[in-house]
Amino acid sequence: PAGVVNAIRQLHPDILVLNEYVEGADHRRLRDDLRSMGLGCIQVSERRPGHNQVLMASKFDFIVGTVLPPSNNCDSHGRTNLLAASFHAPDFTLIGMRAPAYESAKQVRAYWGELSQTLKAIASRKVVVIGDMNGDPENAKSIGGQHLVALIEAGWKIPRATGEWSYKADSGAYTSRIDHVVASPGIRAASASYITA
């Protein structure tokens, strides 16, 4: 929707990650709009019918595919809902993601188990993970929340975002804080905010 482009223009980001993107008929127009804002390096995760994707657009050049998405124990949603990029100036890895809203706890455990192993393997690098985690480290009842707590215990930083919520049900009756920035121990400072208007 046009309002999304206007919001991006007002925020004027250096790097943009859209974590529930679906490449559609207006994709070319969006790319043109992003380029007009200086976000000329654009990549989108794997496209599959009925799946969400991750779009990343940046003022800085990056290459993708340096960190592989969960796939061994997970279905294709794990692959389409994650995009990893390596930047050289500044030197860091950015992972945009959306933890799929699987219906079974077994699928959620498999996804988070594989993702956690991947993050553990790259913890010595400068890594920022951003997106919809479908979990909250302040609410460890969810499987995602439990894994986020484990990352904090391992030295990763998950700043508490300013703002009340990142998700609001269509009815307006329910809100939650499921979108986060997760920074590896090598990232010195990290902050986050929820902008809801």
C-alpha atoms as a PDB file:
ATOM      1  CA  PRO A   1       0.000   0.000   0.000  1.00  0.00           C
ATOM      2  CA  ALA A   2       1.087   3.565  -0.688  1.00  0.00           C
ATOM      3  CA  GLY A   3       1.053   4.303   3.041  1.00  0.00           C
ATOM      4  CA  VAL A   4       3.915   1.876   3.566  1.00  0.00           C
ATOM      5  CA  VAL A   5       6.132   3.737   1.109  1.00  0.00           C
ATOM      6  CA  ASN A   6       5.234   7.055   2.760  1.00  0.00           C
ATOM      7  CA  ALA A   7       6.126   5.648   6.186  1.00  0.00           C
ATOM      8  CA  ILE A   8       9.482   4.373   4.915  1.00  0.00           C
ATOM      9  CA  ARG A   9      10.172   7.801   3.426  1.00  0.00           C
ATOM     10  CA  GLN A  10       9.468   9.478   6.788  1.00  0.00           C
ATOM     11  CA  LEU A  11      11.716   7.039   8.668  1.00  0.00           C
ATOM     12  CA  HIS A  12      14.524   7.429   6.062  1.00  0.00           C
ATOM     13  CA  PRO A  13      16.389   4.241   7.095  1.00  0.00           C
ATOM     14  CA  ASP A  14      19.930   3.316   6.055  1.00  0.00           C
ATOM     15  CA  ILE A  15      18.809  -0.321   5.868  1.00  0.00           C
ATOM     16  CA  LEU A  16      15.231  -1.555   5.570  1.00  0.00           C
ATOM     17  CA  VAL A  17      13.985  -5.065   6.376  1.00  0.00           C
ATOM     18  CA  LEU A  18      10.402  -6.031   5.558  1.00  0.00           C
ATOM     19  CA  ASN A  19       9.809  -9.350   7.272  1.00  0.00           C
ATOM     20  CA  GLU A  20       6.363 -10.325   5.992  1.00  0.00           C
ATOM     21  CA  TYR A  21       6.836  -9.339   2.396  1.00  0.00           C
ATOM     22  CA  VAL A  22       5.097 -11.109  -0.484  1.00  0.00           C
ATOM     23  CA  GLU A  23       6.539 -10.395  -3.918  1.00  0.00           C
ATOM     24  CA  GLY A  24       3.565  -9.400  -6.044  1.00  0.00           C
ATOM     25  CA  ALA A  25       2.512  -7.368  -9.065  1.00  0.00           C
ATOM     26  CA  ASP A  26       3.621  -4.075  -7.478  1.00  0.00           C
ATOM     27  CA  HIS A  27       7.145  -5.344  -6.702  1.00  0.00           C
ATOM     28  CA  ARG A  28       8.777  -3.323  -9.503  1.00  0.00           C
ATOM     29  CA  ARG A  29       7.084  -0.112  -8.327  1.00  0.00           C
ATOM     30  CA  LEU A  30       8.255  -0.719  -4.758  1.00  0.00           C
ATOM     31  CA  ARG A  31      11.822  -1.329  -5.954  1.00  0.00           C
ATOM     32  CA  ASP A  32      11.707   1.958  -7.883  1.00  0.00           C
ATOM     33  CA  ASP A  33      10.384   3.807  -4.811  1.00  0.00           C
ATOM     34  CA  LEU A  34      13.123   2.311  -2.606  1.00  0.00           C
ATOM     35  CA  ARG A  35      15.817   3.261  -5.111  1.00  0.00           C
ATOM     36  CA  SER A  36      14.477   6.829  -5.187  1.00  0.00           C
ATOM     37  CA  MET A  37      15.106   6.924  -1.400  1.00  0.00           C
ATOM     38  CA  GLY A  38      18.712   5.816  -1.880  1.00  0.00           C
ATOM     39  CA  LEU A  39      18.019   2.197  -0.890  1.00  0.00           C
ATOM     40  CA  GLY A  40      19.554   0.850  -4.098  1.00  0.00           C
ATOM     41  CA  CYS A  41      20.844  -2.546  -2.966  1.00  0.00           C
ATOM     42  CA  ILE A  42      17.717  -4.756  -2.814  1.00  0.00           C
ATOM     43  CA  GLN A  43      17.363  -8.503  -2.275  1.00  0.00           C
ATOM     44  CA  VAL A  44      14.388 -10.739  -1.506  1.00  0.00           C
ATOM     45  CA  SER A  45      14.404 -14.207   0.008  1.00  0.00           C
ATOM     46  CA  GLU A  46      13.280 -17.287  -1.887  1.00  0.00           C
ATOM     47  CA  ARG A  47       9.827 -17.026  -3.447  1.00  0.00           C
ATOM     48  CA  ARG A  48       7.294 -19.835  -3.027  1.00  0.00           C
ATOM     49  CA  PRO A  49       3.505 -19.703  -3.443  1.00  0.00           C
ATOM     50  CA  GLY A  50       1.675 -19.089  -0.170  1.00  0.00           C
ATOM     51  CA  HIS A  51       4.858 -18.158   1.732  1.00  0.00           C
ATOM     52  CA  ASN A  52       6.012 -14.899   3.269  1.00  0.00           C
ATOM     53  CA  GLN A  53       9.381 -13.529   2.245  1.00  0.00           C
ATOM     54  CA  VAL A  54      11.959 -11.111   3.630  1.00  0.00           C
ATOM     55  CA  LEU A  55      12.947  -8.029   1.630  1.00  0.00           C
ATOM     56  CA  MET A  56      16.136  -6.147   2.471  1.00  0.00           C
ATOM     57  CA  ALA A  57      17.031  -2.778   0.939  1.00  0.00           C
ATOM     58  CA  SER A  58      20.120  -0.764   1.825  1.00  0.00           C
ATOM     59  CA  LYS A  59      22.178   2.309   1.052  1.00  0.00           C
ATOM     60  CA  PHE A  60      25.235   0.056   1.461  1.00  0.00           C
ATOM     61  CA  ASP A  61      26.253  -2.862  -0.733  1.00  0.00           C
ATOM     62  CA  PHE A  62      25.782  -6.329   0.713  1.00  0.00           C
ATOM     63  CA  ILE A  63      25.897  -9.947  -0.352  1.00  0.00           C
ATOM     64  CA  VAL A  64      23.351 -12.566   0.667  1.00  0.00           C
ATOM     65  CA  GLY A  65      23.601 -16.240   1.486  1.00  0.00           C
ATOM     66  CA  THR A  66      26.405 -16.060   4.055  1.00  0.00           C
ATOM     67  CA  VAL A  67      24.176 -17.611   6.738  1.00  0.00           C
ATOM     68  CA  LEU A  68      21.812 -20.346   5.659  1.00  0.00           C
ATOM     69  CA  PRO A  69      18.191 -20.378   6.861  1.00  0.00           C
ATOM     70  CA  PRO A  70      16.765 -23.311   8.836  1.00  0.00           C
ATOM     71  CA  SER A  71      15.879 -26.121   6.471  1.00  0.00           C
ATOM     72  CA  ASN A  72      17.071 -29.528   7.681  1.00  0.00           C
ATOM     73  CA  ASN A  73      14.302 -30.120  10.189  1.00  0.00           C
ATOM     74  CA  CYS A  74      11.872 -27.516   8.920  1.00  0.00           C
ATOM     75  CA  ASP A  75       9.598 -27.085   5.957  1.00  0.00           C
ATOM     76  CA  SER A  76      10.135 -24.451   3.274  1.00  0.00           C
ATOM     77  CA  HIS A  77       8.685 -21.665   5.469  1.00  0.00           C
ATOM     78  CA  GLY A  78      11.999 -21.623   7.318  1.00  0.00           C
ATOM     79  CA  ARG A  79      13.834 -20.850   4.080  1.00  0.00           C
ATOM     80  CA  THR A  80      11.533 -18.160   2.677  1.00  0.00           C
ATOM     81  CA  ASN A  81      11.215 -16.316   6.012  1.00  0.00           C
ATOM     82  CA  LEU A  82      14.915 -15.547   6.486  1.00  0.00           C
ATOM     83  CA  LEU A  83      17.450 -13.479   4.560  1.00  0.00           C
ATOM     84  CA  ALA A  84      21.048 -13.038   5.743  1.00  0.00           C
ATOM     85  CA  ALA A  85      23.296 -10.305   4.384  1.00  0.00           C
ATOM     86  CA  SER A  86      26.962  -9.483   4.918  1.00  0.00           C
ATOM     87  CA  PHE A  87      28.050  -5.859   4.860  1.00  0.00           C
ATOM     88  CA  HIS A  88      31.648  -4.685   4.564  1.00  0.00           C
ATOM     89  CA  ALA A  89      31.316  -1.025   5.563  1.00  0.00           C
ATOM     90  CA  PRO A  90      30.409  -1.297   8.347  1.00  0.00           C
ATOM     91  CA  ASP A  91      31.497  -4.907   8.765  1.00  0.00           C
ATOM     92  CA  PHE A  92      28.609  -6.965  10.157  1.00  0.00           C
ATOM     93  CA  THR A  93      26.017  -9.575   9.271  1.00  0.00           C
ATOM     94  CA  LEU A  94      22.330  -8.657   9.271  1.00  0.00           C
ATOM     95  CA  ILE A  95      19.679 -11.371   9.407  1.00  0.00           C
ATOM     96  CA  GLY A  96      16.103 -10.381   8.652  1.00  0.00           C
ATOM     97  CA  MET A  97      13.578 -13.008   9.701  1.00  0.00           C
ATOM     98  CA  ARG A  98      10.089 -14.003  10.653  1.00  0.00           C
ATOM     99  CA  ALA A  99       9.723 -17.097  12.793  1.00  0.00           C
ATOM    100  CA  PRO A 100       6.951 -19.014  11.001  1.00  0.00           C
ATOM    101  CA  ALA A 101       3.695 -19.362  12.957  1.00  0.00           C
ATOM    102  CA  TYR A 102       3.688 -23.135  12.847  1.00  0.00           C
ATOM    103  CA  GLU A 103       0.620 -24.976  14.096  1.00  0.00           C
ATOM    104  CA  SER A 104       2.513 -27.722  15.948  1.00  0.00           C
ATOM    105  CA  ALA A 105       4.946 -27.292  18.829  1.00  0.00           C
ATOM    106  CA  LYS A 106       7.163 -29.933  17.200  1.00  0.00           C
ATOM    107  CA  GLN A 107       7.662 -27.716  14.135  1.00  0.00           C
ATOM    108  CA  VAL A 108       8.348 -24.644  16.293  1.00  0.00           C
ATOM    109  CA  ARG A 109      10.930 -26.569  18.340  1.00  0.00           C
ATOM    110  CA  ALA A 110      12.644 -27.857  15.189  1.00  0.00           C
ATOM    111  CA  TYR A 111      12.805 -24.344  13.719  1.00  0.00           C
ATOM    112  CA  TRP A 112      14.169 -22.693  16.857  1.00  0.00           C
ATOM    113  CA  GLY A 113      16.556 -25.571  17.540  1.00  0.00           C
ATOM    114  CA  GLU A 114      18.158 -25.182  14.134  1.00  0.00           C
ATOM    115  CA  LEU A 115      18.163 -21.378  14.229  1.00  0.00           C
ATOM    116  CA  SER A 116      19.742 -21.374  17.705  1.00  0.00           C
ATOM    117  CA  GLN A 117      22.499 -23.732  16.537  1.00  0.00           C
ATOM    118  CA  THR A 118      23.200 -21.439  13.578  1.00  0.00           C
ATOM    119  CA  LEU A 119      23.414 -18.366  15.813  1.00  0.00           C
ATOM    120  CA  LYS A 120      25.622 -20.182  18.299  1.00  0.00           C
ATOM    121  CA  ALA A 121      28.029 -21.048  15.449  1.00  0.00           C
ATOM    122  CA  ILE A 122      28.374 -17.389  14.383  1.00  0.00           C
ATOM    123  CA  ALA A 123      28.294 -15.786  17.855  1.00  0.00           C
ATOM    124  CA  SER A 124      31.917 -14.617  17.562  1.00  0.00           C
ATOM    125  CA  ARG A 125      30.998 -12.443  14.567  1.00  0.00           C
ATOM    126  CA  LYS A 126      29.225  -9.077  14.601  1.00  0.00           C
ATOM    127  CA  VAL A 127      25.652 -10.145  13.934  1.00  0.00           C
ATOM    128  CA  VAL A 128      22.297  -8.392  14.226  1.00  0.00           C
ATOM    129  CA  VAL A 129      19.064 -10.354  13.836  1.00  0.00           C
ATOM    130  CA  ILE A 130      15.900  -8.325  13.363  1.00  0.00           C
ATOM    131  CA  GLY A 131      12.297  -9.230  12.796  1.00  0.00           C
ATOM    132  CA  ASP A 132       9.240 -11.078  14.000  1.00  0.00           C
ATOM    133  CA  MET A 133      10.434 -13.729  16.458  1.00  0.00           C
ATOM    134  CA  ASN A 134       6.906 -14.856  17.375  1.00  0.00           C
ATOM    135  CA  GLY A 135       8.229 -14.912  20.932  1.00  0.00           C
ATOM    136  CA  ASP A 136       9.151 -12.563  23.746  1.00  0.00           C
ATOM    137  CA  PRO A 137      12.118 -13.018  26.117  1.00  0.00           C
ATOM    138  CA  GLU A 138       9.998 -11.420  28.840  1.00  0.00           C
ATOM    139  CA  ASN A 139       7.406 -14.166  28.380  1.00  0.00           C
ATOM    140  CA  ALA A 140       9.228 -17.499  28.371  1.00  0.00           C
ATOM    141  CA  LYS A 141       6.005 -19.509  28.016  1.00  0.00           C
ATOM    142  CA  SER A 142       6.501 -19.634  24.258  1.00  0.00           C
ATOM    143  CA  ILE A 143       9.177 -21.785  22.625  1.00  0.00           C
ATOM    144  CA  GLY A 144      10.586 -18.744  20.846  1.00  0.00           C
ATOM    145  CA  GLY A 145      10.705 -16.824  24.127  1.00  0.00           C
ATOM    146  CA  GLN A 146      12.647 -19.662  25.771  1.00  0.00           C
ATOM    147  CA  HIS A 147      15.243 -19.641  22.988  1.00  0.00           C
ATOM    148  CA  LEU A 148      15.537 -15.848  23.169  1.00  0.00           C
ATOM    149  CA  VAL A 149      16.206 -16.110  26.920  1.00  0.00           C
ATOM    150  CA  ALA A 150      18.905 -18.726  26.193  1.00  0.00           C
ATOM    151  CA  LEU A 151      20.545 -16.322  23.735  1.00  0.00           C
ATOM    152  CA  ILE A 152      20.615 -13.593  26.403  1.00  0.00           C
ATOM    153  CA  GLU A 153      22.205 -16.046  28.817  1.00  0.00           C
ATOM    154  CA  ALA A 154      24.852 -16.778  26.160  1.00  0.00           C
ATOM    155  CA  GLY A 155      25.769 -13.071  25.944  1.00  0.00           C
ATOM    156  CA  TRP A 156      23.524 -11.889  23.111  1.00  0.00           C
ATOM    157  CA  LYS A 157      21.706  -8.570  23.620  1.00  0.00           C
ATOM    158  CA  ILE A 158      17.974  -8.118  23.114  1.00  0.00           C
ATOM    159  CA  PRO A 159      17.187  -4.500  24.005  1.00  0.00           C
ATOM    160  CA  ARG A 160      13.717  -3.866  25.372  1.00  0.00           C
ATOM    161  CA  ALA A 161      12.059  -1.783  22.692  1.00  0.00           C
ATOM    162  CA  THR A 162      10.443   1.493  23.639  1.00  0.00           C
ATOM    163  CA  GLY A 163       6.739   1.514  22.863  1.00  0.00           C
ATOM    164  CA  GLU A 164       3.962  -0.733  24.107  1.00  0.00           C
ATOM    165  CA  TRP A 165       3.558  -3.348  21.395  1.00  0.00           C
ATOM    166  CA  SER A 166       4.718  -4.576  17.986  1.00  0.00           C
ATOM    167  CA  TYR A 167       1.644  -6.641  17.110  1.00  0.00           C
ATOM    168  CA  LYS A 168      -2.025  -5.787  17.530  1.00  0.00           C
ATOM    169  CA  ALA A 169      -4.872  -8.185  16.737  1.00  0.00           C
ATOM    170  CA  ASP A 170      -7.373  -7.043  14.111  1.00  0.00           C
ATOM    171  CA  SER A 171      -9.990  -6.796  16.863  1.00  0.00           C
ATOM    172  CA  GLY A 172      -7.695  -4.540  18.881  1.00  0.00           C
ATOM    173  CA  ALA A 173      -8.275  -6.713  21.946  1.00  0.00           C
ATOM    174  CA  TYR A 174      -4.799  -8.260  22.046  1.00  0.00           C
ATOM    175  CA  THR A 175      -1.286  -6.880  21.721  1.00  0.00           C
ATOM    176  CA  SER A 176       2.142  -8.465  22.081  1.00  0.00           C
ATOM    177  CA  ARG A 177       5.859  -7.723  21.823  1.00  0.00           C
ATOM    178  CA  ILE A 178       7.101 -10.291  19.323  1.00  0.00           C
ATOM    179  CA  ASP A 179       9.421  -8.209  17.112  1.00  0.00           C
ATOM    180  CA  HIS A 180      12.970  -7.800  18.354  1.00  0.00           C
ATOM    181  CA  VAL A 181      16.542  -6.811  17.650  1.00  0.00           C
ATOM    182  CA  VAL A 182      18.992  -9.516  18.707  1.00  0.00           C
ATOM    183  CA  ALA A 183      22.674  -8.531  18.721  1.00  0.00           C
ATOM    184  CA  SER A 184      25.657 -10.842  19.123  1.00  0.00           C
ATOM    185  CA  PRO A 185      28.144 -10.242  21.979  1.00  0.00           C
ATOM    186  CA  GLY A 186      30.467  -8.388  19.567  1.00  0.00           C
ATOM    187  CA  ILE A 187      27.927  -5.616  18.977  1.00  0.00           C
ATOM    188  CA  ARG A 188      28.657  -2.967  21.599  1.00  0.00           C
ATOM    189  CA  ALA A 189      25.321  -1.141  21.623  1.00  0.00           C
ATOM    190  CA  ALA A 190      21.841  -2.003  20.470  1.00  0.00           C
ATOM    191  CA  SER A 191      18.473  -0.317  20.863  1.00  0.00           C
ATOM    192  CA  ALA A 192      14.983  -0.731  19.473  1.00  0.00           C
ATOM    193  CA  SER A 193      11.662   1.080  19.330  1.00  0.00           C
ATOM    194  CA  TYR A 194       8.155   0.227  18.190  1.00  0.00           C
ATOM    195  CA  ILE A 195       6.641   2.934  16.018  1.00  0.00           C
ATOM    196  CA  THR A 196       2.895   2.339  15.780  1.00  0.00           C
ATOM    197  CA  ALA A 197       1.709   5.457  13.954  1.00  0.00           C
END
